[in-house]
mmCIF file of all heavy atoms, coordinates in Angstrom:
data_MODEL
# 
_entry.id   MODEL 
# 
loop_
_atom_site.group_PDB 
_atom_site.id 
_atom_site.type_symbol 
_atom_site.label_atom_id 
_atom_site.label_alt_id 
_atom_site.label_comp_id 
_atom_site.label_asym_id 
_atom_site.label_entity_id 
_atom_site.label_seq_id 
_atom_site.pdbx_PDB_ins_code 
_atom_site.Cartn_x 
_atom_site.Cartn_y 
_atom_site.Cartn_z 
_atom_site.occupancy 
_atom_site.B_iso_or_equiv 
_atom_site.pdbx_formal_charge 
_atom_site.auth_seq_id 
_atom_site.auth_comp_id 
_atom_site.auth_asym_id 
_atom_site.auth_atom_id 
_atom_site.pdbx_PDB_model_num 
ATOM 1   N N   . LEU A 1 1  ? 115.769 77.990 103.817 1.00 0.00 ? 1  LEU A N   1 
ATOM 2   C CA  . LEU A 1 1  ? 114.608 77.674 104.621 1.00 0.00 ? 1  LEU A CA  1 
ATOM 3   C C   . LEU A 1 1  ? 114.668 76.181 104.957 1.00 0.00 ? 1  LEU A C   1 
ATOM 4   O O   . LEU A 1 1  ? 115.014 75.380 104.075 1.00 0.00 ? 1  LEU A O   1 
ATOM 5   C CB  . LEU A 1 1  ? 113.314 77.989 103.835 1.00 0.00 ? 1  LEU A CB  1 
ATOM 6   C CG  . LEU A 1 1  ? 111.978 77.550 104.459 1.00 0.00 ? 1  LEU A CG  1 
ATOM 7   C CD1 . LEU A 1 1  ? 111.697 78.304 105.746 1.00 0.00 ? 1  LEU A CD1 1 
ATOM 8   C CD2 . LEU A 1 1  ? 110.832 77.785 103.453 1.00 0.00 ? 1  LEU A CD2 1 
ATOM 9   N N   . TYR A 1 2  ? 114.346 75.830 106.171 1.00 0.00 ? 2  TYR A N   1 
ATOM 10  C CA  . TYR A 1 2  ? 114.434 74.407 106.644 1.00 0.00 ? 2  TYR A CA  1 
ATOM 11  C C   . TYR A 1 2  ? 115.852 73.883 106.429 1.00 0.00 ? 2  TYR A C   1 
ATOM 12  O O   . TYR A 1 2  ? 116.017 72.668 106.189 1.00 0.00 ? 2  TYR A O   1 
ATOM 13  C CB  . TYR A 1 2  ? 113.427 73.554 105.889 1.00 0.00 ? 2  TYR A CB  1 
ATOM 14  C CG  . TYR A 1 2  ? 111.991 73.864 106.162 1.00 0.00 ? 2  TYR A CG  1 
ATOM 15  C CD1 . TYR A 1 2  ? 111.122 74.208 105.119 1.00 0.00 ? 2  TYR A CD1 1 
ATOM 16  C CD2 . TYR A 1 2  ? 111.474 73.802 107.448 1.00 0.00 ? 2  TYR A CD2 1 
ATOM 17  C CE1 . TYR A 1 2  ? 109.785 74.480 105.359 1.00 0.00 ? 2  TYR A CE1 1 
ATOM 18  C CE2 . TYR A 1 2  ? 110.139 74.078 107.701 1.00 0.00 ? 2  TYR A CE2 1 
ATOM 19  C CZ  . TYR A 1 2  ? 109.298 74.410 106.661 1.00 0.00 ? 2  TYR A CZ  1 
ATOM 20  O OH  . TYR A 1 2  ? 107.977 74.687 106.907 1.00 0.00 ? 2  TYR A OH  1 
ATOM 21  N N   . GLY A 1 3  ? 116.851 74.745 106.469 1.00 0.00 ? 3  GLY A N   1 
ATOM 22  C CA  . GLY A 1 3  ? 118.233 74.293 106.297 1.00 0.00 ? 3  GLY A CA  1 
ATOM 23  C C   . GLY A 1 3  ? 118.591 73.951 104.867 1.00 0.00 ? 3  GLY A C   1 
ATOM 24  O O   . GLY A 1 3  ? 119.658 73.384 104.621 1.00 0.00 ? 3  GLY A O   1 
ATOM 25  N N   . GLN A 1 4  ? 117.709 74.274 103.918 1.00 0.00 ? 4  GLN A N   1 
ATOM 26  C CA  . GLN A 1 4  ? 117.971 73.964 102.506 1.00 0.00 ? 4  GLN A CA  1 
ATOM 27  C C   . GLN A 1 4  ? 117.769 75.243 101.686 1.00 0.00 ? 4  GLN A C   1 
ATOM 28  O O   . GLN A 1 4  ? 117.145 76.206 102.113 1.00 0.00 ? 4  GLN A O   1 
ATOM 29  C CB  . GLN A 1 4  ? 117.045 72.864 102.029 1.00 0.00 ? 4  GLN A CB  1 
ATOM 30  C CG  . GLN A 1 4  ? 117.222 71.553 102.767 1.00 0.00 ? 4  GLN A CG  1 
ATOM 31  C CD  . GLN A 1 4  ? 116.436 70.418 102.133 1.00 0.00 ? 4  GLN A CD  1 
ATOM 32  O OE1 . GLN A 1 4  ? 116.343 70.325 100.896 1.00 0.00 ? 4  GLN A OE1 1 
ATOM 33  N NE2 . GLN A 1 4  ? 115.889 69.530 102.973 1.00 0.00 ? 4  GLN A NE2 1 
ATOM 34  N N   . LYS A 1 5  ? 118.285 75.177 100.447 1.00 0.00 ? 5  LYS A N   1 
ATOM 35  C CA  . LYS A 1 5  ? 118.190 76.344 99.557  1.00 0.00 ? 5  LYS A CA  1 
ATOM 36  C C   . LYS A 1 5  ? 116.957 76.190 98.661  1.00 0.00 ? 5  LYS A C   1 
ATOM 37  O O   . LYS A 1 5  ? 116.722 75.128 98.043  1.00 0.00 ? 5  LYS A O   1 
ATOM 38  C CB  . LYS A 1 5  ? 119.437 76.463 98.695  1.00 0.00 ? 5  LYS A CB  1 
ATOM 39  C CG  . LYS A 1 5  ? 120.679 76.913 99.498  1.00 0.00 ? 5  LYS A CG  1 
ATOM 40  C CD  . LYS A 1 5  ? 121.870 77.115 98.581  1.00 0.00 ? 5  LYS A CD  1 
ATOM 41  C CE  . LYS A 1 5  ? 123.064 77.625 99.401  1.00 0.00 ? 5  LYS A CE  1 
ATOM 42  N NZ  . LYS A 1 5  ? 124.273 77.862 98.528  1.00 0.00 ? 5  LYS A NZ  1 
ATOM 43  N N   . PHE A 1 6  ? 116.177 77.268 98.571  1.00 0.00 ? 6  PHE A N   1 
ATOM 44  C CA  . PHE A 1 6  ? 115.008 77.348 97.698  1.00 0.00 ? 6  PHE A CA  1 
ATOM 45  C C   . PHE A 1 6  ? 115.249 78.419 96.637  1.00 0.00 ? 6  PHE A C   1 
ATOM 46  O O   . PHE A 1 6  ? 115.770 79.504 96.962  1.00 0.00 ? 6  PHE A O   1 
ATOM 47  C CB  . PHE A 1 6  ? 113.748 77.705 98.504  1.00 0.00 ? 6  PHE A CB  1 
ATOM 48  C CG  . PHE A 1 6  ? 113.165 76.577 99.296  1.00 0.00 ? 6  PHE A CG  1 
ATOM 49  C CD1 . PHE A 1 6  ? 113.798 76.155 100.462 1.00 0.00 ? 6  PHE A CD1 1 
ATOM 50  C CD2 . PHE A 1 6  ? 112.005 75.949 98.894  1.00 0.00 ? 6  PHE A CD2 1 
ATOM 51  C CE1 . PHE A 1 6  ? 113.265 75.108 101.206 1.00 0.00 ? 6  PHE A CE1 1 
ATOM 52  C CE2 . PHE A 1 6  ? 111.460 74.934 99.622  1.00 0.00 ? 6  PHE A CE2 1 
ATOM 53  C CZ  . PHE A 1 6  ? 112.093 74.494 100.793 1.00 0.00 ? 6  PHE A CZ  1 
ATOM 54  N N   . THR A 1 7  ? 114.820 78.176 95.422  1.00 0.00 ? 7  THR A N   1 
ATOM 55  C CA  . THR A 1 7  ? 114.929 79.154 94.356  1.00 0.00 ? 7  THR A CA  1 
ATOM 56  C C   . THR A 1 7  ? 113.657 79.979 94.279  1.00 0.00 ? 7  THR A C   1 
ATOM 57  O O   . THR A 1 7  ? 112.538 79.423 94.171  1.00 0.00 ? 7  THR A O   1 
ATOM 58  C CB  . THR A 1 7  ? 115.156 78.463 92.987  1.00 0.00 ? 7  THR A CB  1 
ATOM 59  O OG1 . THR A 1 7  ? 116.340 77.669 93.072  1.00 0.00 ? 7  THR A OG1 1 
ATOM 60  C CG2 . THR A 1 7  ? 115.307 79.490 91.887  1.00 0.00 ? 7  THR A CG2 1 
ATOM 61  N N   . VAL A 1 8  ? 113.789 81.290 94.342  1.00 0.00 ? 8  VAL A N   1 
ATOM 62  C CA  . VAL A 1 8  ? 112.623 82.183 94.241  1.00 0.00 ? 8  VAL A CA  1 
ATOM 63  C C   . VAL A 1 8  ? 112.148 82.221 92.780  1.00 0.00 ? 8  VAL A C   1 
ATOM 64  O O   . VAL A 1 8  ? 112.914 82.593 91.897  1.00 0.00 ? 8  VAL A O   1 
ATOM 65  C CB  . VAL A 1 8  ? 112.967 83.620 94.726  1.00 0.00 ? 8  VAL A CB  1 
ATOM 66  C CG1 . VAL A 1 8  ? 111.771 84.547 94.540  1.00 0.00 ? 8  VAL A CG1 1 
ATOM 67  C CG2 . VAL A 1 8  ? 113.452 83.589 96.177  1.00 0.00 ? 8  VAL A CG2 1 
ATOM 68  N N   . ILE A 1 9  ? 110.871 81.867 92.571  1.00 0.00 ? 9  ILE A N   1 
ATOM 69  C CA  . ILE A 1 9  ? 110.322 81.867 91.202  1.00 0.00 ? 9  ILE A CA  1 
ATOM 70  C C   . ILE A 1 9  ? 109.219 82.865 91.028  1.00 0.00 ? 9  ILE A C   1 
ATOM 71  O O   . ILE A 1 9  ? 108.745 83.087 89.915  1.00 0.00 ? 9  ILE A O   1 
ATOM 72  C CB  . ILE A 1 9  ? 109.817 80.436 90.796  1.00 0.00 ? 9  ILE A CB  1 
ATOM 73  C CG1 . ILE A 1 9  ? 108.713 79.991 91.744  1.00 0.00 ? 9  ILE A CG1 1 
ATOM 74  C CG2 . ILE A 1 9  ? 110.980 79.435 90.792  1.00 0.00 ? 9  ILE A CG2 1 
ATOM 75  C CD1 . ILE A 1 9  ? 108.019 78.710 91.292  1.00 0.00 ? 9  ILE A CD1 1 
ATOM 76  N N   . GLY A 1 10 ? 108.763 83.479 92.119  1.00 0.00 ? 10 GLY A N   1 
ATOM 77  C CA  . GLY A 1 10 ? 107.651 84.431 92.005  1.00 0.00 ? 10 GLY A CA  1 
ATOM 78  C C   . GLY A 1 10 ? 107.558 85.364 93.193  1.00 0.00 ? 10 GLY A C   1 
ATOM 79  O O   . GLY A 1 10 ? 107.943 85.002 94.319  1.00 0.00 ? 10 GLY A O   1 
ATOM 80  N N   . VAL A 1 11 ? 107.047 86.575 92.962  1.00 0.00 ? 11 VAL A N   1 
ATOM 81  C CA  . VAL A 1 11 ? 106.791 87.552 93.999  1.00 0.00 ? 11 VAL A CA  1 
ATOM 82  C C   . VAL A 1 11 ? 105.330 88.057 93.861  1.00 0.00 ? 11 VAL A C   1 
ATOM 83  O O   . VAL A 1 11 ? 104.915 88.478 92.753  1.00 0.00 ? 11 VAL A O   1 
ATOM 84  C CB  . VAL A 1 11 ? 107.758 88.785 93.920  1.00 0.00 ? 11 VAL A CB  1 
ATOM 85  C CG1 . VAL A 1 11 ? 107.421 89.814 94.984  1.00 0.00 ? 11 VAL A CG1 1 
ATOM 86  C CG2 . VAL A 1 11 ? 109.203 88.338 94.014  1.00 0.00 ? 11 VAL A CG2 1 
ATOM 87  N N   . LEU A 1 12 ? 104.573 87.967 94.932  1.00 0.00 ? 12 LEU A N   1 
ATOM 88  C CA  . LEU A 1 12 ? 103.171 88.355 94.889  1.00 0.00 ? 12 LEU A CA  1 
ATOM 89  C C   . LEU A 1 12 ? 103.002 89.887 94.960  1.00 0.00 ? 12 LEU A C   1 
ATOM 90  O O   . LEU A 1 12 ? 103.849 90.577 95.484  1.00 0.00 ? 12 LEU A O   1 
ATOM 91  C CB  . LEU A 1 12 ? 102.425 87.724 96.061  1.00 0.00 ? 12 LEU A CB  1 
ATOM 92  C CG  . LEU A 1 12 ? 102.376 86.197 96.144  1.00 0.00 ? 12 LEU A CG  1 
ATOM 93  C CD1 . LEU A 1 12 ? 101.647 85.726 97.368  1.00 0.00 ? 12 LEU A CD1 1 
ATOM 94  C CD2 . LEU A 1 12 ? 101.720 85.626 94.890  1.00 0.00 ? 12 LEU A CD2 1 
ATOM 95  N N   . LYS A 1 13 ? 101.889 90.355 94.402  1.00 0.00 ? 13 LYS A N   1 
ATOM 96  C CA  . LYS A 1 13 ? 101.569 91.764 94.498  1.00 0.00 ? 13 LYS A CA  1 
ATOM 97  C C   . LYS A 1 13 ? 101.239 92.149 95.944  1.00 0.00 ? 13 LYS A C   1 
ATOM 98  O O   . LYS A 1 13 ? 100.684 91.355 96.697  1.00 0.00 ? 13 LYS A O   1 
ATOM 99  C CB  . LYS A 1 13 ? 100.383 92.089 93.601  1.00 0.00 ? 13 LYS A CB  1 
ATOM 100 C CG  . LYS A 1 13 ? 100.716 92.251 92.124  1.00 0.00 ? 13 LYS A CG  1 
ATOM 101 C CD  . LYS A 1 13 ? 99.515  92.768 91.350  1.00 0.00 ? 13 LYS A CD  1 
ATOM 102 C CE  . LYS A 1 13 ? 99.870  93.047 89.900  1.00 0.00 ? 13 LYS A CE  1 
ATOM 103 N NZ  . LYS A 1 13 ? 98.704  93.540 89.140  1.00 0.00 ? 13 LYS A NZ  1 
ATOM 104 N N   . LYS A 1 14 ? 101.546 93.354 96.306  1.00 0.00 ? 14 LYS A N   1 
ATOM 105 C CA  . LYS A 1 14 ? 101.287 93.860 97.658  1.00 0.00 ? 14 LYS A CA  1 
ATOM 106 C C   . LYS A 1 14 ? 99.779  94.021 97.828  1.00 0.00 ? 14 LYS A C   1 
ATOM 107 O O   . LYS A 1 14 ? 99.090  94.573 96.964  1.00 0.00 ? 14 LYS A O   1 
ATOM 108 C CB  . LYS A 1 14 ? 101.972 95.199 97.856  1.00 0.00 ? 14 LYS A CB  1 
ATOM 109 C CG  . LYS A 1 14 ? 101.761 95.825 99.246  1.00 0.00 ? 14 LYS A CG  1 
ATOM 110 C CD  . LYS A 1 14 ? 102.495 97.145 99.342  1.00 0.00 ? 14 LYS A CD  1 
ATOM 111 C CE  . LYS A 1 14 ? 102.223 97.816 100.703 1.00 0.00 ? 14 LYS A CE  1 
ATOM 112 N NZ  . LYS A 1 14 ? 102.707 97.022 101.849 1.00 0.00 ? 14 LYS A NZ  1 
ATOM 113 N N   . ILE A 1 15 ? 99.262  93.527 98.966  1.00 0.00 ? 15 ILE A N   1 
ATOM 114 C CA  . ILE A 1 15 ? 97.838  93.669 99.247  1.00 0.00 ? 15 ILE A CA  1 
ATOM 115 C C   . ILE A 1 15 ? 97.567  94.505 100.482 1.00 0.00 ? 15 ILE A C   1 
ATOM 116 O O   . ILE A 1 15 ? 96.433  94.878 100.756 1.00 0.00 ? 15 ILE A O   1 
ATOM 117 C CB  . ILE A 1 15 ? 97.158  92.297 99.426  1.00 0.00 ? 15 ILE A CB  1 
ATOM 118 C CG1 . ILE A 1 15 ? 97.753  91.564 100.617 1.00 0.00 ? 15 ILE A CG1 1 
ATOM 119 C CG2 . ILE A 1 15 ? 97.288  91.467 98.184  1.00 0.00 ? 15 ILE A CG2 1 
ATOM 120 C CD1 . ILE A 1 15 ? 96.994  90.304 101.011 1.00 0.00 ? 15 ILE A CD1 1 
ATOM 121 N N   . GLY A 1 16 ? 98.601  94.837 101.239 1.00 0.00 ? 16 GLY A N   1 
ATOM 122 C CA  . GLY A 1 16 ? 98.419  95.648 102.452 1.00 0.00 ? 16 GLY A CA  1 
ATOM 123 C C   . GLY A 1 16 ? 98.052  94.788 103.659 1.00 0.00 ? 16 GLY A C   1 
ATOM 124 O O   . GLY A 1 16 ? 98.081  93.564 103.600 1.00 0.00 ? 16 GLY A O   1 
ATOM 125 N N   . SER A 1 17 ? 97.640  95.471 104.747 1.00 0.00 ? 17 SER A N   1 
ATOM 126 C CA  . SER A 1 17 ? 97.327  94.778 105.971 1.00 0.00 ? 17 SER A CA  1 
ATOM 127 C C   . SER A 1 17 ? 96.153  93.842 105.738 1.00 0.00 ? 17 SER A C   1 
ATOM 128 O O   . SER A 1 17 ? 95.311  94.051 104.873 1.00 0.00 ? 17 SER A O   1 
ATOM 129 C CB  . SER A 1 17 ? 97.000  95.760 107.098 1.00 0.00 ? 17 SER A CB  1 
ATOM 130 O OG  . SER A 1 17 ? 95.948  96.614 106.690 1.00 0.00 ? 17 SER A OG  1 
ATOM 131 N N   . SER A 1 18 ? 96.082  92.795 106.551 1.00 0.00 ? 18 SER A N   1 
ATOM 132 C CA  . SER A 1 18 ? 95.096  91.760 106.314 1.00 0.00 ? 18 SER A CA  1 
ATOM 133 C C   . SER A 1 18 ? 94.561  91.203 107.623 1.00 0.00 ? 18 SER A C   1 
ATOM 134 O O   . SER A 1 18 ? 95.156  91.376 108.669 1.00 0.00 ? 18 SER A O   1 
ATOM 135 C CB  . SER A 1 18 ? 95.729  90.619 105.480 1.00 0.00 ? 18 SER A CB  1 
ATOM 136 O OG  . SER A 1 18 ? 94.892  89.534 105.344 1.00 0.00 ? 18 SER A OG  1 
ATOM 137 N N   . LEU A 1 19 ? 93.429  90.541 107.518 1.00 0.00 ? 19 LEU A N   1 
ATOM 138 C CA  . LEU A 1 19 ? 92.861  89.830 108.643 1.00 0.00 ? 19 LEU A CA  1 
ATOM 139 C C   . LEU A 1 19 ? 93.648  88.544 108.821 1.00 0.00 ? 19 LEU A C   1 
ATOM 140 O O   . LEU A 1 19 ? 93.618  87.681 107.965 1.00 0.00 ? 19 LEU A O   1 
ATOM 141 C CB  . LEU A 1 19 ? 91.369  89.515 108.420 1.00 0.00 ? 19 LEU A CB  1 
ATOM 142 C CG  . LEU A 1 19 ? 90.629  88.815 109.529 1.00 0.00 ? 19 LEU A CG  1 
ATOM 143 C CD1 . LEU A 1 19 ? 90.501  89.730 110.749 1.00 0.00 ? 19 LEU A CD1 1 
ATOM 144 C CD2 . LEU A 1 19 ? 89.265  88.331 109.074 1.00 0.00 ? 19 LEU A CD2 1 
ATOM 145 N N   . GLY A 1 20 ? 94.386  88.447 109.930 1.00 0.00 ? 20 GLY A N   1 
ATOM 146 C CA  . GLY A 1 20 ? 95.248  87.278 110.097 1.00 0.00 ? 20 GLY A CA  1 
ATOM 147 C C   . GLY A 1 20 ? 96.562  87.495 109.344 1.00 0.00 ? 20 GLY A C   1 
ATOM 148 O O   . GLY A 1 20 ? 97.019  88.591 109.172 1.00 0.00 ? 20 GLY A O   1 
ATOM 149 N N   . ASP A 1 21 ? 97.142  86.382 108.890 1.00 0.00 ? 21 ASP A N   1 
ATOM 150 C CA  . ASP A 1 21 ? 98.430  86.472 108.154 1.00 0.00 ? 21 ASP A CA  1 
ATOM 151 C C   . ASP A 1 21 ? 98.176  86.978 106.749 1.00 0.00 ? 21 ASP A C   1 
ATOM 152 O O   . ASP A 1 21 ? 97.365  86.453 106.006 1.00 0.00 ? 21 ASP A O   1 
ATOM 153 C CB  . ASP A 1 21 ? 99.069  85.098 108.111 1.00 0.00 ? 21 ASP A CB  1 
ATOM 154 C CG  . ASP A 1 21 ? 99.640  84.676 109.463 1.00 0.00 ? 21 ASP A CG  1 
ATOM 155 O OD1 . ASP A 1 21 ? 100.321 85.475 110.091 1.00 0.00 ? 21 ASP A OD1 1 
ATOM 156 O OD2 . ASP A 1 21 ? 99.374  83.531 109.878 1.00 0.00 ? 21 ASP A OD2 1 
ATOM 157 N N   . SER A 1 22 ? 98.920  88.028 106.379 1.00 0.00 ? 22 SER A N   1 
ATOM 158 C CA  . SER A 1 22 ? 98.784  88.588 105.054 1.00 0.00 ? 22 SER A CA  1 
ATOM 159 C C   . SER A 1 22 ? 99.680  87.835 104.074 1.00 0.00 ? 22 SER A C   1 
ATOM 160 O O   . SER A 1 22 ? 100.745 87.305 104.454 1.00 0.00 ? 22 SER A O   1 
ATOM 161 C CB  . SER A 1 22 ? 99.186  90.083 105.071 1.00 0.00 ? 22 SER A CB  1 
ATOM 162 O OG  . SER A 1 22 ? 99.336  90.585 103.771 1.00 0.00 ? 22 SER A OG  1 
ATOM 163 N N   . ASP A 1 23 ? 99.271  87.775 102.797 1.00 0.00 ? 23 ASP A N   1 
ATOM 164 C CA  . ASP A 1 23 ? 100.116 87.167 101.761 1.00 0.00 ? 23 ASP A CA  1 
ATOM 165 C C   . ASP A 1 23 ? 101.434 87.942 101.640 1.00 0.00 ? 23 ASP A C   1 
ATOM 166 O O   . ASP A 1 23 ? 102.429 87.393 101.192 1.00 0.00 ? 23 ASP A O   1 
ATOM 167 C CB  . ASP A 1 23 ? 99.363  87.162 100.433 1.00 0.00 ? 23 ASP A CB  1 
ATOM 168 C CG  . ASP A 1 23 ? 98.283  86.101 100.372 1.00 0.00 ? 23 ASP A CG  1 
ATOM 169 O OD1 . ASP A 1 23 ? 98.242  85.265 101.302 1.00 0.00 ? 23 ASP A OD1 1 
ATOM 170 O OD2 . ASP A 1 23 ? 97.492  86.116 99.412  1.00 0.00 ? 23 ASP A OD2 1 
ATOM 171 N N   . ASP A 1 24 ? 101.429 89.241 102.029 1.00 0.00 ? 24 ASP A N   1 
ATOM 172 C CA  . ASP A 1 24 ? 102.642 90.031 101.909 1.00 0.00 ? 24 ASP A CA  1 
ATOM 173 C C   . ASP A 1 24 ? 103.746 89.483 102.806 1.00 0.00 ? 24 ASP A C   1 
ATOM 174 O O   . ASP A 1 24 ? 104.937 89.606 102.470 1.00 0.00 ? 24 ASP A O   1 
ATOM 175 C CB  . ASP A 1 24 ? 102.341 91.493 102.358 1.00 0.00 ? 24 ASP A CB  1 
ATOM 176 C CG  . ASP A 1 24 ? 101.432 92.201 101.374 1.00 0.00 ? 24 ASP A CG  1 
ATOM 177 O OD1 . ASP A 1 24 ? 101.251 91.711 100.263 1.00 0.00 ? 24 ASP A OD1 1 
ATOM 178 O OD2 . ASP A 1 24 ? 100.902 93.283 101.723 1.00 0.00 ? 24 ASP A OD2 1 
ATOM 179 N N   . SER A 1 25 ? 103.351 88.894 103.939 1.00 0.00 ? 25 SER A N   1 
ATOM 180 C CA  . SER A 1 25 ? 104.349 88.386 104.887 1.00 0.00 ? 25 SER A CA  1 
ATOM 181 C C   . SER A 1 25 ? 104.375 86.854 104.898 1.00 0.00 ? 25 SER A C   1 
ATOM 182 O O   . SER A 1 25 ? 104.767 86.238 105.859 1.00 0.00 ? 25 SER A O   1 
ATOM 183 C CB  . SER A 1 25 ? 104.079 88.908 106.285 1.00 0.00 ? 25 SER A CB  1 
ATOM 184 O OG  . SER A 1 25 ? 102.742 88.574 106.683 1.00 0.00 ? 25 SER A OG  1 
ATOM 185 N N   . SER A 1 26 ? 103.958 86.235 103.786 1.00 0.00 ? 26 SER A N   1 
ATOM 186 C CA  . SER A 1 26 ? 103.910 84.770 103.680 1.00 0.00 ? 26 SER A CA  1 
ATOM 187 C C   . SER A 1 26 ? 104.764 84.290 102.517 1.00 0.00 ? 26 SER A C   1 
ATOM 188 O O   . SER A 1 26 ? 105.095 85.064 101.619 1.00 0.00 ? 26 SER A O   1 
ATOM 189 C CB  . SER A 1 26 ? 102.446 84.313 103.469 1.00 0.00 ? 26 SER A CB  1 
ATOM 190 O OG  . SER A 1 26 ? 101.615 84.731 104.515 1.00 0.00 ? 26 SER A OG  1 
# 
């Protein structure tokens, strides 16, 4: 991301469709 490597440290629980941007797709 941004041309650099990021280490994944967490995955959020699925919340489903959302008003605006969902945490699922963030």
